[in-house]
Amino acid sequence: MTRYVKTGSVSTIPMINTELEKVEVAINSTLSRLGDEPNQMEADIDLNSNRIINSAPPISNSDLVTKAYVDSRTIAGSGGNGVDKPPALTESVVLASAQTVVTFSVVNASQSVFYISGLGVDSSRLFPILNIAVDSSSQITLDESYPSGTILTSLQETA
Protein backbone atom coordinates (compact mmCIF):
# COMPACT_ATOMS: atom_id res chain seq x y z
CA MET A 1 0.00 0.00 0.00
CA THR A 2 1.28 3.44 -0.86
CA ARG A 3 1.38 5.70 2.15
CA TYR A 4 1.37 9.44 2.06
CA VAL A 5 4.54 11.04 3.36
CA LYS A 6 4.74 14.81 3.41
CA THR A 7 7.71 16.32 1.59
CA GLY A 8 9.33 18.99 3.76
CA SER A 9 7.82 22.46 3.86
CA VAL A 10 5.12 23.08 1.27
CA SER A 11 4.79 26.73 0.38
CA THR A 12 3.85 27.11 -3.29
CA ILE A 13 0.82 26.08 -5.32
CA PRO A 14 2.82 23.60 -7.46
CA MET A 15 4.18 22.03 -4.26
CA ILE A 16 0.64 21.81 -2.82
CA ASN A 17 -0.58 20.19 -6.05
CA THR A 18 2.25 17.64 -5.86
CA GLU A 19 1.29 16.82 -2.28
CA LEU A 20 -2.39 16.46 -3.23
CA GLU A 21 -1.43 14.07 -6.04
CA LYS A 22 0.48 11.96 -3.52
CA VAL A 23 -2.58 11.92 -1.24
CA GLU A 24 -4.75 10.81 -4.19
CA VAL A 25 -2.36 7.95 -5.00
CA ALA A 26 -2.42 6.83 -1.34
CA ILE A 27 -6.23 6.91 -1.20
CA ASN A 28 -6.59 5.03 -4.49
CA SER A 29 -4.34 2.22 -3.24
CA THR A 30 -6.43 1.45 -0.13
CA LEU A 31 -9.36 -0.93 0.22
CA SER A 32 -12.72 0.60 1.00
CA ARG A 33 -14.38 -0.66 4.16
CA LEU A 34 -17.68 0.29 2.49
CA GLY A 35 -17.05 -1.92 -0.54
CA ASP A 36 -16.79 0.98 -2.99
CA GLU A 37 -15.45 0.06 -6.44
CA PRO A 38 -12.78 -0.84 -7.28
CA ASN A 39 -12.33 -2.87 -4.14
CA GLN A 40 -10.30 -5.99 -4.83
CA MET A 41 -6.84 -7.17 -3.91
CA GLU A 42 -4.07 -7.05 -6.48
CA ALA A 43 -1.62 -9.11 -4.43
CA ASP A 44 -1.58 -11.72 -1.64
CA ILE A 45 -2.13 -10.60 1.94
CA ASP A 46 0.26 -11.81 4.63
CA LEU A 47 -1.74 -11.92 7.86
CA ASN A 48 1.44 -12.44 9.89
CA SER A 49 -0.14 -15.36 11.80
CA ASN A 50 -3.28 -13.32 12.58
CA ARG A 51 -6.78 -14.65 11.92
CA ILE A 52 -9.73 -13.55 9.82
CA ILE A 53 -12.74 -13.50 12.14
CA ASN A 54 -16.52 -12.98 11.94
CA SER A 55 -16.97 -14.43 8.45
CA ALA A 56 -20.48 -14.86 7.06
CA PRO A 57 -21.62 -18.36 6.04
CA PRO A 58 -20.43 -19.34 2.56
CA ILE A 59 -22.69 -18.93 -0.47
CA SER A 60 -20.40 -19.62 -3.43
CA ASN A 61 -17.53 -22.07 -3.95
CA SER A 62 -14.90 -19.34 -3.53
CA ASP A 63 -16.20 -18.06 -0.14
CA LEU A 64 -14.12 -18.71 2.95
CA VAL A 65 -15.57 -20.88 5.72
CA THR A 66 -15.14 -20.94 9.46
CA LYS A 67 -13.88 -23.90 11.47
CA ALA A 68 -17.33 -24.17 13.08
CA TYR A 69 -18.93 -24.44 9.62
CA VAL A 70 -16.58 -27.25 8.57
CA ASP A 71 -16.91 -29.04 11.93
CA SER A 72 -20.70 -28.95 11.66
CA ARG A 73 -20.51 -30.77 8.32
CA THR A 74 -17.98 -33.47 9.17
CA ILE A 75 -18.25 -36.58 11.28
CA ALA A 76 -16.98 -36.13 14.84
CA GLY A 77 -13.86 -38.17 15.53
CA SER A 78 -12.79 -38.36 11.89
CA GLY A 79 -9.35 -37.23 13.01
CA GLY A 80 -9.53 -34.05 10.98
CA ASN A 81 -9.80 -36.00 7.74
CA GLY A 82 -12.81 -33.94 6.68
CA VAL A 83 -15.12 -36.93 6.24
CA ASP A 84 -18.45 -35.50 5.10
CA LYS A 85 -21.55 -36.33 7.09
CA PRO A 86 -23.80 -38.50 4.97
CA PRO A 87 -27.17 -36.85 4.34
CA ALA A 88 -30.09 -38.78 5.79
CA LEU A 89 -32.24 -38.15 2.70
CA THR A 90 -31.65 -36.80 -0.79
CA GLU A 91 -34.23 -35.89 -3.40
CA SER A 92 -33.70 -34.29 -6.80
CA VAL A 93 -36.36 -32.64 -8.93
CA VAL A 94 -35.94 -31.74 -12.61
CA LEU A 95 -37.59 -28.36 -13.12
CA ALA A 96 -40.01 -27.61 -15.94
CA SER A 97 -39.85 -24.32 -17.83
CA ALA A 98 -40.81 -21.35 -15.59
CA GLN A 99 -41.48 -23.68 -12.61
CA THR A 100 -41.06 -21.90 -9.28
CA VAL A 101 -43.13 -24.08 -6.91
CA VAL A 102 -41.46 -27.41 -6.08
CA THR A 103 -43.06 -30.23 -4.10
CA PHE A 104 -40.98 -32.94 -2.44
CA SER A 105 -42.22 -36.41 -1.52
CA VAL A 106 -39.21 -37.81 0.37
CA VAL A 107 -37.43 -35.01 2.22
CA ASN A 108 -38.75 -32.54 4.75
CA ALA A 109 -38.22 -29.18 3.02
CA SER A 110 -38.10 -27.26 6.29
CA GLN A 111 -35.13 -29.40 7.43
CA SER A 112 -33.19 -29.43 4.15
CA VAL A 113 -30.58 -27.51 2.24
CA PHE A 114 -31.04 -26.95 -1.48
CA TYR A 115 -28.63 -26.94 -4.42
CA ILE A 116 -29.31 -25.91 -8.01
CA SER A 117 -27.40 -27.17 -11.06
CA GLY A 118 -27.77 -27.58 -14.80
CA LEU A 119 -26.87 -26.14 -18.17
CA GLY A 120 -26.76 -22.35 -18.16
CA VAL A 121 -27.09 -22.24 -14.37
CA ASP A 122 -24.39 -21.33 -11.86
CA SER A 123 -24.33 -24.39 -9.60
CA SER A 124 -24.79 -23.15 -6.07
CA ARG A 125 -26.58 -23.54 -2.78
CA LEU A 126 -29.93 -21.79 -2.40
CA PHE A 127 -30.80 -20.08 0.87
CA PRO A 128 -34.14 -19.42 2.57
CA ILE A 129 -35.17 -15.76 2.35
CA LEU A 130 -32.45 -15.02 -0.27
CA ASN A 131 -33.37 -17.60 -2.94
CA ILE A 132 -36.33 -19.65 -1.74
CA ALA A 133 -39.34 -19.59 0.54
CA VAL A 134 -40.13 -22.78 2.46
CA ASP A 135 -43.92 -23.01 2.17
CA SER A 136 -44.42 -26.25 4.09
CA SER A 137 -42.60 -29.44 5.03
CA SER A 138 -43.04 -30.67 1.45
CA GLN A 139 -43.00 -27.52 -0.69
CA ILE A 140 -40.76 -24.55 -1.53
CA THR A 141 -41.11 -21.56 -3.85
CA LEU A 142 -38.05 -20.39 -5.81
CA ASP A 143 -37.50 -16.65 -6.05
CA GLU A 144 -36.85 -16.99 -9.80
CA SER A 145 -37.48 -19.50 -12.55
CA TYR A 146 -34.69 -21.56 -14.05
CA PRO A 147 -34.28 -23.13 -17.51
CA SER A 148 -36.17 -26.34 -18.22
CA GLY A 149 -34.10 -29.35 -17.15
CA THR A 150 -32.40 -27.57 -14.23
CA ILE A 151 -31.92 -29.91 -11.27
CA LEU A 152 -32.91 -28.88 -7.76
CA THR A 153 -31.44 -31.20 -5.13
CA SER A 154 -32.60 -31.25 -1.53
CA LEU A 155 -30.41 -32.72 1.21
CA GLN A 156 -32.02 -33.35 4.57
CA GLU A 157 -28.98 -33.32 6.83
CA THR A 158 -28.45 -35.62 9.79
CA ALA A 159 -28.94 -34.12 13.22
C-alpha atoms as a PDB file:
ATOM      1  CA  MET A   1       0.000   0.000   0.000  1.00  0.00           C
ATOM      2  CA  THR A   2       1.278   3.443  -0.856  1.00  0.00           C
ATOM      3  CA  ARG A   3       1.381   5.699   2.153  1.00  0.00           C
ATOM      4  CA  TYR A   4       1.370   9.440   2.064  1.00  0.00           C
ATOM      5  CA  VAL A   5       4.541  11.040   3.363  1.00  0.00           C
ATOM      6  CA  LYS A   6       4.735  14.811   3.405  1.00  0.00           C
ATOM      7  CA  THR A   7       7.708  16.318   1.594  1.00  0.00           C
ATOM      8  CA  GLY A   8       9.326  18.994   3.759  1.00  0.00           C
ATOM      9  CA  SER A   9       7.825  22.462   3.858  1.00  0.00           C
ATOM     10  CA  VAL A  10       5.124  23.084   1.274  1.00  0.00           C
ATOM     11  CA  SER A  11       4.794  26.734   0.383  1.00  0.00           C
ATOM     12  CA  THR A  12       3.850  27.113  -3.287  1.00  0.00           C
ATOM     13  CA  ILE A  13       0.818  26.077  -5.316  1.00  0.00           C
ATOM     14  CA  PRO A  14       2.818  23.603  -7.461  1.00  0.00           C
ATOM     15  CA  MET A  15       4.180  22.030  -4.259  1.00  0.00           C
ATOM     16  CA  ILE A  16       0.641  21.811  -2.823  1.00  0.00           C
ATOM     17  CA  ASN A  17      -0.577  20.194  -6.049  1.00  0.00           C
ATOM     18  CA  THR A  18       2.250  17.645  -5.858  1.00  0.00           C
ATOM     19  CA  GLU A  19       1.294  16.816  -2.277  1.00  0.00           C
ATOM     20  CA  LEU A  20      -2.389  16.459  -3.231  1.00  0.00           C
ATOM     21  CA  GLU A  21      -1.433  14.070  -6.045  1.00  0.00           C
ATOM     22  CA  LYS A  22       0.484  11.964  -3.525  1.00  0.00           C
ATOM     23  CA  VAL A  23      -2.584  11.921  -1.241  1.00  0.00           C
ATOM     24  CA  GLU A  24      -4.751  10.813  -4.189  1.00  0.00           C
ATOM     25  CA  VAL A  25      -2.362   7.953  -5.000  1.00  0.00           C
ATOM     26  CA  ALA A  26      -2.417   6.832  -1.344  1.00  0.00           C
ATOM     27  CA  ILE A  27      -6.228   6.913  -1.204  1.00  0.00           C
ATOM     28  CA  ASN A  28      -6.589   5.026  -4.492  1.00  0.00           C
ATOM     29  CA  SER A  29      -4.340   2.222  -3.239  1.00  0.00           C
ATOM     30  CA  THR A  30      -6.429   1.451  -0.134  1.00  0.00           C
ATOM     31  CA  LEU A  31      -9.365  -0.933   0.218  1.00  0.00           C
ATOM     32  CA  SER A  32     -12.715   0.600   1.000  1.00  0.00           C
ATOM     33  CA  ARG A  33     -14.383  -0.662   4.156  1.00  0.00           C
ATOM     34  CA  LEU A  34     -17.676   0.289   2.486  1.00  0.00           C
ATOM     35  CA  GLY A  35     -17.051  -1.923  -0.540  1.00  0.00           C
ATOM     36  CA  ASP A  36     -16.793   0.980  -2.992  1.00  0.00           C
ATOM     37  CA  GLU A  37     -15.454   0.059  -6.438  1.00  0.00           C
ATOM     38  CA  PRO A  38     -12.776  -0.839  -7.279  1.00  0.00           C
ATOM     39  CA  ASN A  39     -12.325  -2.870  -4.141  1.00  0.00           C
ATOM     40  CA  GLN A  40     -10.303  -5.988  -4.828  1.00  0.00           C
ATOM     41  CA  MET A  41      -6.845  -7.167  -3.915  1.00  0.00           C
ATOM     42  CA  GLU A  42      -4.073  -7.045  -6.484  1.00  0.00           C
ATOM     43  CA  ALA A  43      -1.624  -9.113  -4.427  1.00  0.00           C
ATOM     44  CA  ASP A  44      -1.576 -11.723  -1.644  1.00  0.00           C
ATOM     45  CA  ILE A  45      -2.130 -10.599   1.939  1.00  0.00           C
ATOM     46  CA  ASP A  46       0.256 -11.813   4.632  1.00  0.00           C
ATOM     47  CA  LEU A  47      -1.744 -11.925   7.858  1.00  0.00           C
ATOM     48  CA  ASN A  48       1.443 -12.440   9.888  1.00  0.00           C
ATOM     49  CA  SER A  49      -0.144 -15.358  11.800  1.00  0.00           C
ATOM     50  CA  ASN A  50      -3.277 -13.318  12.579  1.00  0.00           C
ATOM     51  CA  ARG A  51      -6.776 -14.646  11.918  1.00  0.00           C
ATOM     52  CA  ILE A  52      -9.730 -13.552   9.822  1.00  0.00           C
ATOM     53  CA  ILE A  53     -12.736 -13.495  12.143  1.00  0.00           C
ATOM     54  CA  ASN A  54     -16.520 -12.976  11.938  1.00  0.00           C
ATOM     55  CA  SER A  55     -16.968 -14.435   8.449  1.00  0.00           C
ATOM     56  CA  ALA A  56     -20.484 -14.857   7.061  1.00  0.00           C
ATOM     57  CA  PRO A  57     -21.619 -18.365   6.042  1.00  0.00           C
ATOM     58  CA  PRO A  58     -20.435 -19.338   2.556  1.00  0.00           C
ATOM     59  CA  ILE A  59     -22.690 -18.928  -0.467  1.00  0.00           C
ATOM     60  CA  SER A  60     -20.405 -19.624  -3.429  1.00  0.00           C
ATOM     61  CA  ASN A  61     -17.531 -22.068  -3.947  1.00  0.00           C
ATOM     62  CA  SER A  62     -14.899 -19.337  -3.525  1.00  0.00           C
ATOM     63  CA  ASP A  63     -16.196 -18.064  -0.143  1.00  0.00           C
ATOM     64  CA  LEU A  64     -14.121 -18.706   2.952  1.00  0.00           C
ATOM     65  CA  VAL A  65     -15.572 -20.877   5.715  1.00  0.00           C
ATOM     66  CA  THR A  66     -15.139 -20.939   9.464  1.00  0.00           C
ATOM     67  CA  LYS A  67     -13.880 -23.902  11.467  1.00  0.00           C
ATOM     68  CA  ALA A  68     -17.330 -24.172  13.084  1.00  0.00           C
ATOM     69  CA  TYR A  69     -18.933 -24.436   9.620  1.00  0.00           C
ATOM     70  CA  VAL A  70     -16.584 -27.253   8.572  1.00  0.00           C
ATOM     71  CA  ASP A  71     -16.915 -29.042  11.930  1.00  0.00           C
ATOM     72  CA  SER A  72     -20.704 -28.950  11.659  1.00  0.00           C
ATOM     73  CA  ARG A  73     -20.508 -30.766   8.320  1.00  0.00           C
ATOM     74  CA  THR A  74     -17.982 -33.472   9.172  1.00  0.00           C
ATOM     75  CA  ILE A  75     -18.250 -36.583  11.285  1.00  0.00           C
ATOM     76  CA  ALA A  76     -16.976 -36.133  14.845  1.00  0.00           C
ATOM     77  CA  GLY A  77     -13.864 -38.174  15.531  1.00  0.00           C
ATOM     78  CA  SER A  78     -12.794 -38.365  11.889  1.00  0.00           C
ATOM     79  CA  GLY A  79      -9.354 -37.233  13.011  1.00  0.00           C
ATOM     80  CA  GLY A  80      -9.527 -34.046  10.976  1.00  0.00           C
ATOM     81  CA  ASN A  81      -9.796 -36.003   7.744  1.00  0.00           C
ATOM     82  CA  GLY A  82     -12.807 -33.936   6.676  1.00  0.00           C
ATOM     83  CA  VAL A  83     -15.115 -36.935   6.238  1.00  0.00           C
ATOM     84  CA  ASP A  84     -18.451 -35.504   5.101  1.00  0.00           C
ATOM     85  CA  LYS A  85     -21.552 -36.335   7.090  1.00  0.00           C
ATOM     86  CA  PRO A  86     -23.801 -38.501   4.971  1.00  0.00           C
ATOM     87  CA  PRO A  87     -27.174 -36.854   4.338  1.00  0.00           C
ATOM     88  CA  ALA A  88     -30.091 -38.779   5.791  1.00  0.00           C
ATOM     89  CA  LEU A  89     -32.241 -38.153   2.704  1.00  0.00           C
ATOM     90  CA  THR A  90     -31.650 -36.800  -0.788  1.00  0.00           C
ATOM     91  CA  GLU A  91     -34.234 -35.888  -3.398  1.00  0.00           C
ATOM     92  CA  SER A  92     -33.699 -34.292  -6.802  1.00  0.00           C
ATOM     93  CA  VAL A  93     -36.361 -32.638  -8.931  1.00  0.00           C
ATOM     94  CA  VAL A  94     -35.944 -31.735 -12.610  1.00  0.00           C
ATOM     95  CA  LEU A  95     -37.589 -28.362 -13.121  1.00  0.00           C
ATOM     96  CA  ALA A  96     -40.013 -27.608 -15.937  1.00  0.00           C
ATOM     97  CA  SER A  97     -39.847 -24.320 -17.826  1.00  0.00           C
ATOM     98  CA  ALA A  98     -40.813 -21.351 -15.589  1.00  0.00           C
ATOM     99  CA  GLN A  99     -41.479 -23.676 -12.607  1.00  0.00           C
ATOM    100  CA  THR A 100     -41.058 -21.900  -9.281  1.00  0.00           C
ATOM    101  CA  VAL A 101     -43.127 -24.076  -6.910  1.00  0.00           C
ATOM    102  CA  VAL A 102     -41.461 -27.410  -6.083  1.00  0.00           C
ATOM    103  CA  THR A 103     -43.056 -30.230  -4.104  1.00  0.00           C
ATOM    104  CA  PHE A 104     -40.976 -32.942  -2.442  1.00  0.00           C
ATOM    105  CA  SER A 105     -42.223 -36.406  -1.525  1.00  0.00           C
ATOM    106  CA  VAL A 106     -39.213 -37.811   0.370  1.00  0.00           C
ATOM    107  CA  VAL A 107     -37.431 -35.011   2.215  1.00  0.00           C
ATOM    108  CA  ASN A 108     -38.748 -32.540   4.753  1.00  0.00           C
ATOM    109  CA  ALA A 109     -38.224 -29.179   3.017  1.00  0.00           C
ATOM    110  CA  SER A 110     -38.096 -27.260   6.291  1.00  0.00           C
ATOM    111  CA  GLN A 111     -35.132 -29.401   7.431  1.00  0.00           C
ATOM    112  CA  SER A 112     -33.191 -29.425   4.151  1.00  0.00           C
ATOM    113  CA  VAL A 113     -30.575 -27.513   2.241  1.00  0.00           C
ATOM    114  CA  PHE A 114     -31.044 -26.953  -1.483  1.00  0.00           C
ATOM    115  CA  TYR A 115     -28.633 -26.944  -4.416  1.00  0.00           C
ATOM    116  CA  ILE A 116     -29.307 -25.912  -8.008  1.00  0.00           C
ATOM    117  CA  SER A 117     -27.400 -27.170 -11.055  1.00  0.00           C
ATOM    118  CA  GLY A 118     -27.772 -27.583 -14.798  1.00  0.00           C
ATOM    119  CA  LEU A 119     -26.868 -26.139 -18.171  1.00  0.00           C
ATOM    120  CA  GLY A 120     -26.761 -22.354 -18.165  1.00  0.00           C
ATOM    121  CA  VAL A 121     -27.090 -22.235 -14.365  1.00  0.00           C
ATOM    122  CA  ASP A 122     -24.394 -21.333 -11.861  1.00  0.00           C
ATOM    123  CA  SER A 123     -24.327 -24.393  -9.598  1.00  0.00           C
ATOM    124  CA  SER A 124     -24.793 -23.149  -6.072  1.00  0.00           C
ATOM    125  CA  ARG A 125     -26.582 -23.538  -2.779  1.00  0.00           C
ATOM    126  CA  LEU A 126     -29.932 -21.793  -2.395  1.00  0.00           C
ATOM    127  CA  PHE A 127     -30.798 -20.084   0.866  1.00  0.00           C
ATOM    128  CA  PRO A 128     -34.140 -19.419   2.572  1.00  0.00           C
ATOM    129  CA  ILE A 129     -35.174 -15.763   2.345  1.00  0.00           C
ATOM    130  CA  LEU A 130     -32.446 -15.023  -0.266  1.00  0.00           C
ATOM    131  CA  ASN A 131     -33.369 -17.601  -2.937  1.00  0.00           C
ATOM    132  CA  ILE A 132     -36.329 -19.650  -1.737  1.00  0.00           C
ATOM    133  CA  ALA A 133     -39.342 -19.590   0.536  1.00  0.00           C
ATOM    134  CA  VAL A 134     -40.132 -22.779   2.456  1.00  0.00           C
ATOM    135  CA  ASP A 135     -43.920 -23.012   2.166  1.00  0.00           C
ATOM    136  CA  SER A 136     -44.420 -26.253   4.086  1.00  0.00           C
ATOM    137  CA  SER A 137     -42.602 -29.442   5.026  1.00  0.00           C
ATOM    138  CA  SER A 138     -43.043 -30.668   1.448  1.00  0.00           C
ATOM    139  CA  GLN A 139     -43.002 -27.517  -0.694  1.00  0.00           C
ATOM    140  CA  ILE A 140     -40.759 -24.555  -1.528  1.00  0.00           C
ATOM    141  CA  THR A 141     -41.110 -21.563  -3.849  1.00  0.00           C
ATOM    142  CA  LEU A 142     -38.055 -20.393  -5.809  1.00  0.00           C
ATOM    143  CA  ASP A 143     -37.503 -16.645  -6.053  1.00  0.00           C
ATOM    144  CA  GLU A 144     -36.848 -16.986  -9.799  1.00  0.00           C
ATOM    145  CA  SER A 145     -37.484 -19.499 -12.552  1.00  0.00           C
ATOM    146  CA  TYR A 146     -34.687 -21.561 -14.054  1.00  0.00           C
ATOM    147  CA  PRO A 147     -34.282 -23.126 -17.505  1.00  0.00           C
ATOM    148  CA  SER A 148     -36.167 -26.340 -18.218  1.00  0.00           C
ATOM    149  CA  GLY A 149     -34.098 -29.351 -17.148  1.00  0.00           C
ATOM    150  CA  THR A 150     -32.405 -27.569 -14.235  1.00  0.00           C
ATOM    151  CA  ILE A 151     -31.915 -29.915 -11.273  1.00  0.00           C
ATOM    152  CA  LEU A 152     -32.909 -28.879  -7.762  1.00  0.00           C
ATOM    153  CA  THR A 153     -31.438 -31.200  -5.131  1.00  0.00           C
ATOM    154  CA  SER A 154     -32.604 -31.249  -1.529  1.00  0.00           C
ATOM    155  CA  LEU A 155     -30.415 -32.722   1.211  1.00  0.00           C
ATOM    156  CA  GLN A 156     -32.018 -33.350   4.566  1.00  0.00           C
ATOM    157  CA  GLU A 157     -28.983 -33.316   6.831  1.00  0.00           C
ATOM    158  CA  THR A 158     -28.451 -35.616   9.791  1.00  0.00           C
ATOM    159  CA  ALA A 159     -28.940 -34.116  13.219  1.00  0.00           C
END
